[in-house]
Protein backbone atom coordinates (compact mmCIF):
# COMPACT_ATOMS: atom_id res chain seq x y z
CA UNK A 1 0.00 0.00 0.00
CA UNK A 2 1.22 3.48 -0.83
CA UNK A 3 2.07 5.36 2.37
CA UNK A 4 -0.31 8.14 1.35
CA UNK A 5 -3.31 5.87 0.86
CA UNK A 6 -4.55 6.64 4.37
CA UNK A 7 -4.33 10.37 3.81
CA UNK A 8 -7.91 11.73 4.03
CA UNK A 9 -7.28 13.96 1.03
CA UNK A 10 -6.22 10.99 -1.11
CA UNK A 11 -9.19 8.97 0.12
CA UNK A 12 -11.46 11.82 -0.82
CA UNK A 13 -10.05 11.92 -4.35
CA UNK A 14 -10.40 8.12 -4.70
CA UNK A 15 -13.98 8.00 -3.44
CA UNK A 16 -14.88 10.88 -5.72
CA UNK A 17 -13.63 8.96 -8.78
CA UNK A 18 -15.57 5.83 -7.76
CA UNK A 19 -18.74 7.78 -7.23
CA UNK A 20 -18.48 9.57 -10.57
CA UNK A 21 -18.09 6.25 -12.37
CA UNK A 22 -21.05 4.75 -10.53
CA UNK A 23 -23.19 7.78 -11.25
CA UNK A 24 -22.45 7.99 -14.95
CA UNK A 25 -25.89 6.62 -15.83
CA UNK A 26 -27.70 9.32 -13.88
CA UNK A 27 -29.24 12.07 -15.93
CA UNK A 28 -27.83 15.58 -15.37
CA UNK A 29 -24.90 16.91 -13.46
CA UNK A 30 -27.22 18.05 -10.71
CA UNK A 31 -28.06 14.49 -9.81
CA UNK A 32 -24.38 13.62 -9.49
CA UNK A 33 -23.68 16.72 -7.37
CA UNK A 34 -26.52 15.78 -5.07
CA UNK A 35 -24.74 12.55 -4.14
CA UNK A 36 -21.79 14.37 -2.55
CA UNK A 37 -21.89 15.28 1.14
CA UNK A 38 -21.87 19.05 1.43
CA UNK A 39 -18.66 18.99 3.47
CA UNK A 40 -16.75 17.38 0.59
CA UNK A 41 -17.77 20.13 -1.82
CA UNK A 42 -16.92 22.69 0.87
CA UNK A 43 -13.39 21.38 1.24
CA UNK A 44 -12.69 22.29 -2.38
CA UNK A 45 -13.74 25.88 -1.78
CA UNK A 46 -11.91 26.63 1.45
CA UNK A 47 -10.37 30.07 1.91
CA UNK A 48 -7.20 30.65 3.90
CA UNK A 49 -6.46 33.89 5.73
CA UNK A 50 -3.77 35.36 7.95
CA UNK A 51 -4.91 38.33 10.04
CA UNK A 52 -2.25 40.70 11.36
CA UNK A 53 -1.40 44.30 12.12
CA UNK A 54 0.46 45.83 9.19
CA UNK A 55 1.77 44.89 5.77
CA UNK A 56 4.54 47.48 6.15
CA UNK A 57 5.95 45.76 9.24
CA UNK A 58 8.76 43.46 7.96
CA UNK A 59 7.83 40.68 10.40
CA UNK A 60 4.19 40.67 9.32
CA UNK A 61 5.17 40.92 5.65
CA UNK A 62 7.06 37.61 6.01
CA UNK A 63 4.20 36.14 8.05
CA UNK A 64 1.85 37.05 5.19
CA UNK A 65 4.15 35.49 2.59
CA UNK A 66 4.18 32.24 4.55
CA UNK A 67 0.38 32.11 4.59
CA UNK A 68 0.19 32.89 0.90
CA UNK A 69 2.71 30.15 0.13
CA UNK A 70 0.69 27.55 2.05
CA UNK A 71 -2.57 28.54 0.34
CA UNK A 72 -0.82 28.31 -3.05
CA UNK A 73 0.44 24.83 -2.17
CA UNK A 74 -3.18 23.80 -1.59
CA UNK A 75 -4.39 25.56 -4.76
CA UNK A 76 -6.79 27.54 -2.61
CA UNK A 77 -7.81 31.18 -2.20
CA UNK A 78 -5.88 33.38 0.22
CA UNK A 79 -7.37 36.54 1.71
CA UNK A 80 -5.12 38.39 4.20
CA UNK A 81 -6.69 40.78 6.71
CA UNK A 82 -4.76 43.84 7.89
CA UNK A 83 -5.97 45.72 10.97
CA UNK A 84 -3.49 48.65 10.92
CA UNK A 85 -3.54 48.47 14.70
CA UNK A 86 -7.33 48.89 14.99
CA UNK A 87 -8.91 46.17 17.12
CA UNK A 88 -12.48 46.96 16.05
CA UNK A 89 -11.48 46.80 12.39
CA UNK A 90 -9.72 43.49 12.94
CA UNK A 91 -12.75 41.84 14.55
CA UNK A 92 -15.16 43.34 12.00
CA UNK A 93 -13.00 42.15 9.09
CA UNK A 94 -12.87 38.62 10.47
CA UNK A 95 -16.65 38.56 10.90
CA UNK A 96 -17.10 39.81 7.33
CA UNK A 97 -14.78 37.15 5.91
CA UNK A 98 -16.57 34.42 7.88
CA UNK A 99 -19.84 35.64 6.39
CA UNK A 100 -18.42 35.94 2.88
CA UNK A 101 -17.04 32.38 2.95
CA UNK A 102 -20.05 30.90 4.79
CA UNK A 103 -17.62 29.77 7.46
CA UNK A 104 -15.56 27.70 5.02
CA UNK A 105 -12.41 29.34 6.27
CA UNK A 106 -9.12 28.52 7.97
CA UNK A 107 -7.52 31.37 9.93
CA UNK A 108 -4.26 32.26 11.60
CA UNK A 109 -4.62 35.42 13.67
CA UNK A 110 -2.17 37.66 15.46
CA UNK A 111 -4.69 39.59 17.58
CA UNK A 112 -4.02 43.30 17.76
CA UNK A 113 -4.48 43.10 21.52
CA UNK A 114 -4.84 40.18 23.93
CA UNK A 115 -8.41 41.19 24.81
CA UNK A 116 -9.44 40.86 21.14
CA UNK A 117 -8.83 37.12 21.22
CA UNK A 118 -12.03 36.28 23.07
CA UNK A 119 -14.33 37.91 20.51
CA UNK A 120 -12.37 36.38 17.62
CA UNK A 121 -12.42 32.85 19.04
CA UNK A 122 -16.13 33.04 19.88
CA UNK A 123 -16.96 34.14 16.31
CA UNK A 124 -14.91 31.28 14.88
CA UNK A 125 -16.40 28.62 17.16
CA UNK A 126 -19.92 29.83 16.37
CA UNK A 127 -19.23 29.56 12.62
CA UNK A 128 -17.22 26.32 12.73
CA UNK A 129 -14.03 28.04 11.56
CA UNK A 130 -10.69 26.44 12.45
CA UNK A 131 -8.23 28.95 13.87
CA UNK A 132 -4.65 29.15 15.10
CA UNK A 133 -3.56 32.19 17.12
CA UNK A 134 -0.11 33.61 17.69
CA UNK A 135 1.48 35.93 20.24
CA UNK A 136 -1.52 37.50 22.01
CA UNK A 137 -4.24 35.94 24.16
CA UNK A 138 -5.53 36.26 27.75
CA UNK A 139 -3.88 33.90 30.20
CA UNK A 140 -7.24 32.40 31.18
CA UNK A 141 -8.16 31.35 27.63
CA UNK A 142 -6.91 28.03 26.28
CA UNK A 143 -7.48 26.19 22.97
CA UNK A 144 -8.60 22.98 24.70
CA UNK A 145 -11.61 24.84 26.08
CA UNK A 146 -12.79 25.50 22.52
CA UNK A 147 -12.37 22.09 20.84
CA UNK A 148 -11.98 21.41 18.03
CA UNK A 149 -11.98 24.82 16.35
CA UNK A 150 -9.24 26.63 18.26
CA UNK A 151 -6.44 24.34 17.20
CA UNK A 152 -3.31 25.88 18.77
CA UNK A 153 -1.71 29.03 20.14
CA UNK A 154 1.93 29.73 19.21
CA UNK A 155 4.28 32.17 20.87
CA UNK A 156 7.89 32.62 21.99
CA UNK A 157 9.48 32.57 25.40
CA UNK A 158 9.75 36.33 25.30
CA UNK A 159 11.38 36.65 28.68
CA UNK A 160 14.24 34.34 27.67
CA UNK A 161 14.65 36.08 24.31
CA UNK A 162 14.55 39.56 25.83
CA UNK A 163 17.19 38.59 28.38
CA UNK A 164 19.46 37.00 25.79
CA UNK A 165 19.32 40.04 23.53
CA UNK A 166 20.06 42.32 26.50
CA UNK A 167 22.99 40.12 27.48
CA UNK A 168 24.47 40.33 24.00
CA UNK A 169 24.08 44.12 24.10
CA UNK A 170 25.61 44.48 27.56
CA UNK A 171 28.58 42.33 26.58
CA UNK A 172 29.11 44.49 23.49
CA UNK A 173 29.13 47.51 25.82
CA UNK A 174 31.85 45.93 27.95
CA UNK A 175 29.44 45.28 30.80
CA UNK A 176 29.03 48.92 31.80
CA UNK A 177 27.43 52.17 30.65
CA UNK A 178 24.04 53.69 29.98
CA UNK A 179 21.36 51.93 27.93
CA UNK A 180 17.98 53.04 26.60
CA UNK A 181 15.12 50.69 25.70
CA UNK A 182 12.29 50.78 23.15
CA UNK A 183 9.14 48.84 24.11
CA UNK A 184 6.28 47.53 22.01
CA UNK A 185 2.56 48.04 22.64
CA UNK A 186 2.42 47.78 26.41
CA UNK A 187 -0.57 45.41 26.50
CA UNK A 188 0.93 42.96 23.98
CA UNK A 189 2.21 39.69 25.40
CA UNK A 190 5.59 39.75 23.60
CA UNK A 191 6.21 43.34 24.71
CA UNK A 192 5.43 42.46 28.33
CA UNK A 193 7.60 39.34 28.39
CA UNK A 194 10.55 40.81 26.50
CA UNK A 195 10.62 43.71 28.97
CA UNK A 196 10.76 41.17 31.81
CA UNK A 197 13.80 39.66 30.11
CA UNK A 198 15.48 43.06 29.92
CA UNK A 199 14.84 43.61 33.63
CA UNK A 200 16.27 40.18 34.45
CA UNK A 201 19.47 40.96 32.53
CA UNK A 202 19.83 44.36 34.22
CA UNK A 203 19.88 42.64 37.60
CA UNK A 204 22.86 40.57 36.45
CA UNK A 205 24.82 43.60 35.21
CA UNK A 206 24.99 46.11 38.06
CA UNK A 207 27.27 48.46 36.06
CA UNK A 208 24.65 48.87 33.31
CA UNK A 209 22.26 51.76 33.96
CA UNK A 210 18.84 51.97 32.28
CA UNK A 211 18.61 55.62 31.31
CA UNK A 212 15.05 55.47 29.97
CA UNK A 213 12.40 53.07 28.67
CA UNK A 214 9.69 54.24 26.27
CA UNK A 215 7.11 52.31 24.24
CA UNK A 216 7.28 52.96 20.49
CA UNK A 217 4.34 50.64 19.67
CA UNK A 218 6.36 48.43 17.28
CA UNK A 219 6.80 51.45 14.96
CA UNK A 220 10.05 52.47 13.27
CA UNK A 221 8.79 56.04 12.87
CA UNK A 222 8.00 56.42 16.56
CA UNK A 223 11.32 54.85 17.52
CA UNK A 224 13.21 57.24 15.25
CA UNK A 225 11.77 60.29 17.00
CA UNK A 226 12.31 58.86 20.47
CA UNK A 227 15.95 58.00 19.78
CA UNK A 228 16.60 61.44 18.30
CA UNK A 229 15.35 62.92 21.57
CA UNK A 230 17.47 60.54 23.63
CA UNK A 231 20.62 61.43 21.71
CA UNK A 232 20.09 65.08 22.59
CA UNK A 233 19.09 64.35 26.17
CA UNK A 234 21.79 61.85 27.14
CA UNK A 235 24.64 62.61 24.74
CA UNK A 236 27.76 60.54 25.43
CA UNK A 237 26.08 58.78 28.37
CA UNK A 238 24.02 56.77 25.89
CA UNK A 239 26.09 53.65 25.16
CA UNK A 240 23.58 51.09 23.87
CA UNK A 241 20.02 50.60 22.59
CA UNK A 242 17.77 47.62 23.40
CA UNK A 243 14.76 47.38 21.06
CA UNK A 244 11.75 45.14 21.59
CA UNK A 245 11.55 44.43 17.86
CA UNK A 246 13.62 45.00 14.73
CA UNK A 247 11.26 47.50 13.12
CA UNK A 248 11.83 49.86 16.05
CA UNK A 249 15.50 48.89 15.95
CA UNK A 250 15.67 50.10 12.36
CA UNK A 251 14.12 53.41 13.42
CA UNK A 252 16.80 53.69 16.10
CA UNK A 253 19.52 52.91 13.55
CA UNK A 254 18.27 55.64 11.21
CA UNK A 255 18.48 58.13 14.08
CA UNK A 256 22.08 57.07 14.72
CA UNK A 257 22.93 57.30 11.03
CA UNK A 258 21.63 60.85 11.00
CA UNK A 259 24.14 61.76 13.70
CA UNK A 260 27.03 59.78 12.23
CA UNK A 261 26.87 57.30 15.13
CA UNK A 262 25.84 54.10 13.32
CA UNK A 263 28.15 51.28 14.38
CA UNK A 264 29.52 53.16 17.39
CA UNK A 265 26.44 52.71 19.61
CA UNK A 266 25.39 49.04 19.62
CA UNK A 267 21.75 48.08 18.99
CA UNK A 268 19.92 44.78 19.45
CA UNK A 269 16.42 43.87 18.37
CA UNK A 270 14.12 40.90 17.91
CA UNK A 271 12.19 39.25 15.02
CA UNK A 272 15.02 38.48 12.58
CA UNK A 273 13.91 40.79 9.77
CA UNK A 274 15.95 41.14 6.60
CA UNK A 275 16.85 44.76 7.39
CA UNK A 276 18.17 43.78 10.81
CA UNK A 277 20.24 40.92 9.44
CA UNK A 278 21.68 43.22 6.78
CA UNK A 279 22.60 45.70 9.52
CA UNK A 280 24.37 42.93 11.46
CA UNK A 281 26.33 42.08 8.32
CA UNK A 282 27.36 45.73 7.94
CA UNK A 283 28.38 46.06 11.61
CA UNK A 284 25.62 48.55 12.55
CA UNK A 285 23.58 46.11 14.65
CA UNK A 286 24.69 43.56 17.23
CA UNK A 287 22.09 40.79 17.23
CA UNK A 288 18.49 39.77 16.67
CA UNK A 289 16.35 36.67 17.21
CA UNK A 290 13.57 35.03 15.27
CA UNK A 291 10.88 32.37 15.46
CA UNK A 292 10.66 32.47 11.64
CA UNK A 293 7.54 34.43 10.67
CA UNK A 294 7.42 32.74 7.24
CA UNK A 295 7.14 29.35 8.93
CA UNK A 296 4.64 30.63 11.52
CA UNK A 297 2.47 32.11 8.76
CA UNK A 298 2.33 28.77 6.97
CA UNK A 299 2.20 26.27 9.84
CA UNK A 300 -0.71 28.10 11.50
CA UNK A 301 -2.85 27.49 8.41
CA UNK A 302 -1.49 23.96 8.02
CA UNK A 303 -2.64 23.11 11.55
CA UNK A 304 -6.11 24.53 10.95
CA UNK A 305 -6.48 22.76 7.62
CA UNK A 306 -5.31 19.46 9.08
CA UNK A 307 -7.99 19.76 11.76
CA UNK A 308 -10.64 20.74 9.24
CA UNK A 309 -9.88 17.81 6.93
CA UNK A 310 -9.57 15.23 9.71
CA UNK A 311 -5.80 14.68 9.51
CA UNK A 312 -5.45 16.08 13.01
CA UNK A 313 -7.78 15.82 16.00
CA UNK A 314 -6.85 18.73 18.27
CA UNK A 315 -8.64 17.19 21.25
CA UNK A 316 -6.31 14.18 21.11
CA UNK A 317 -3.13 16.24 21.09
CA UNK A 318 -1.19 16.84 24.34
CA UNK A 319 -1.50 20.31 25.78
CA UNK A 320 2.08 21.16 24.82
CA UNK A 321 0.86 20.94 21.21
CA UNK A 322 -2.06 23.26 21.89
CA UNK A 323 -0.11 26.11 23.51
CA UNK A 324 3.60 26.18 22.89
CA UNK A 325 6.73 28.24 22.54
CA UNK A 326 8.51 28.07 19.20
CA UNK A 327 12.23 27.43 19.37
CA UNK A 328 13.98 30.74 18.58
CA UNK A 329 17.11 31.27 16.53
CA UNK A 330 19.63 33.91 17.50
CA UNK A 331 21.42 35.83 14.76
CA UNK A 332 24.68 37.72 15.31
CA UNK A 333 27.91 38.42 13.44
CA UNK A 334 28.94 34.77 13.70
CA UNK A 335 26.01 33.40 11.68
CA UNK A 336 24.43 36.42 9.97
CA UNK A 337 25.87 35.61 6.54
CA UNK A 338 24.64 32.02 6.56
CA UNK A 339 21.25 33.09 7.94
CA UNK A 340 20.87 35.75 5.26
CA UNK A 341 21.69 33.31 2.46
CA UNK A 342 19.26 30.68 3.77
CA UNK A 343 16.35 33.02 4.46
CA UNK A 344 16.58 36.08 2.21
CA UNK A 345 19.01 35.50 -0.66
CA UNK A 346 16.76 32.70 -1.90
CA UNK A 347 13.03 32.24 -1.18
CA UNK A 348 12.38 30.40 2.10
CA UNK A 349 11.38 26.77 1.89
CA UNK A 350 7.79 25.92 2.80
CA UNK A 351 8.14 23.17 5.40
CA UNK A 352 5.06 22.28 7.43
CA UNK A 353 5.27 18.51 7.17
CA UNK A 354 6.01 18.20 10.91
CA UNK A 355 3.80 20.57 12.88
CA UNK A 356 5.68 20.03 16.12
CA UNK A 357 9.31 20.11 14.92
CA UNK A 358 9.97 23.54 16.44
CA UNK A 359 8.13 23.15 19.73
CA UNK A 360 10.32 24.49 22.54
CA UNK A 361 7.96 23.63 25.38
CA UNK A 362 4.54 24.54 26.78
CA UNK A 363 3.64 28.17 27.50
CA UNK A 364 4.23 29.13 31.12
CA UNK A 365 2.09 31.52 33.14
CA UNK A 366 2.88 33.55 36.21
CA UNK A 367 1.30 31.86 39.22
């Protein structure tokens, strides 16, 4: 037996051929169509969608490309939803797409805010839409309480990542001096946890002084203005910049370039965007980290589609497959060239054959 014979998709194709042959004597295509269960017709018309904050954010641009690549691999429609940071728009757009597709939809959603997750999940469960979430959700909401439609929630161990990036920055500063920090949206889970990591690193480096911390809401433009102000305010006392993501890190770098300081004041960020990796290669940036947004954008849809088509029963999966940290990859001068060649010089490889290959452990919550 071919190893794929048990694949529900292959069985569906086989049964469809048998039924067409058996129905050849029936008069009219309508009679043949009437023999098919509605769910089988629906599977051919499924729409895939990734919902996220901004197409101009490099992280989300890669996340979107991953979703588009998976939909293309399934020869299915792909309809991304962009909230531009507006929670009401995000929820309204998801409701509209559910209505437009009659619920024949598979979603991966990065909620604009943690509180948005409840409304989104309830809409999906009501309509029978399979959904994977990333990054943001309330601590008291769990996929296993919404079986089978909320398949999984994916995130990173932001505290560990934030601490590691701070450590790399502090070491580049020689373990002493003044540092400033750019935060994300204060209510976002990654922003909260990465800040905890920064605080943990500061406790280990008593000769590093945090001069100021300001949220720049994941925005390069906001970060640029903040860093310009810091350069004037702190002058030579400013010896390093910790950024909660690479988009803000790029805003900080532009501010340094404007003052002729690029490369002399170290910067670290997070997300592993192409611009950040290029800046590491040029010596203007110290390090970044990534959980591979291209892979996240594709595997989220793959999980939902597997549940929808019966390849995966979420209720039978262990909880560490329902809420999990993705294993991060750190990028610095030592591996930036190889990372750039593998991820940006050539198109990334779509690899969602093993849903759990990058699981780094279950999500932890403060007790």
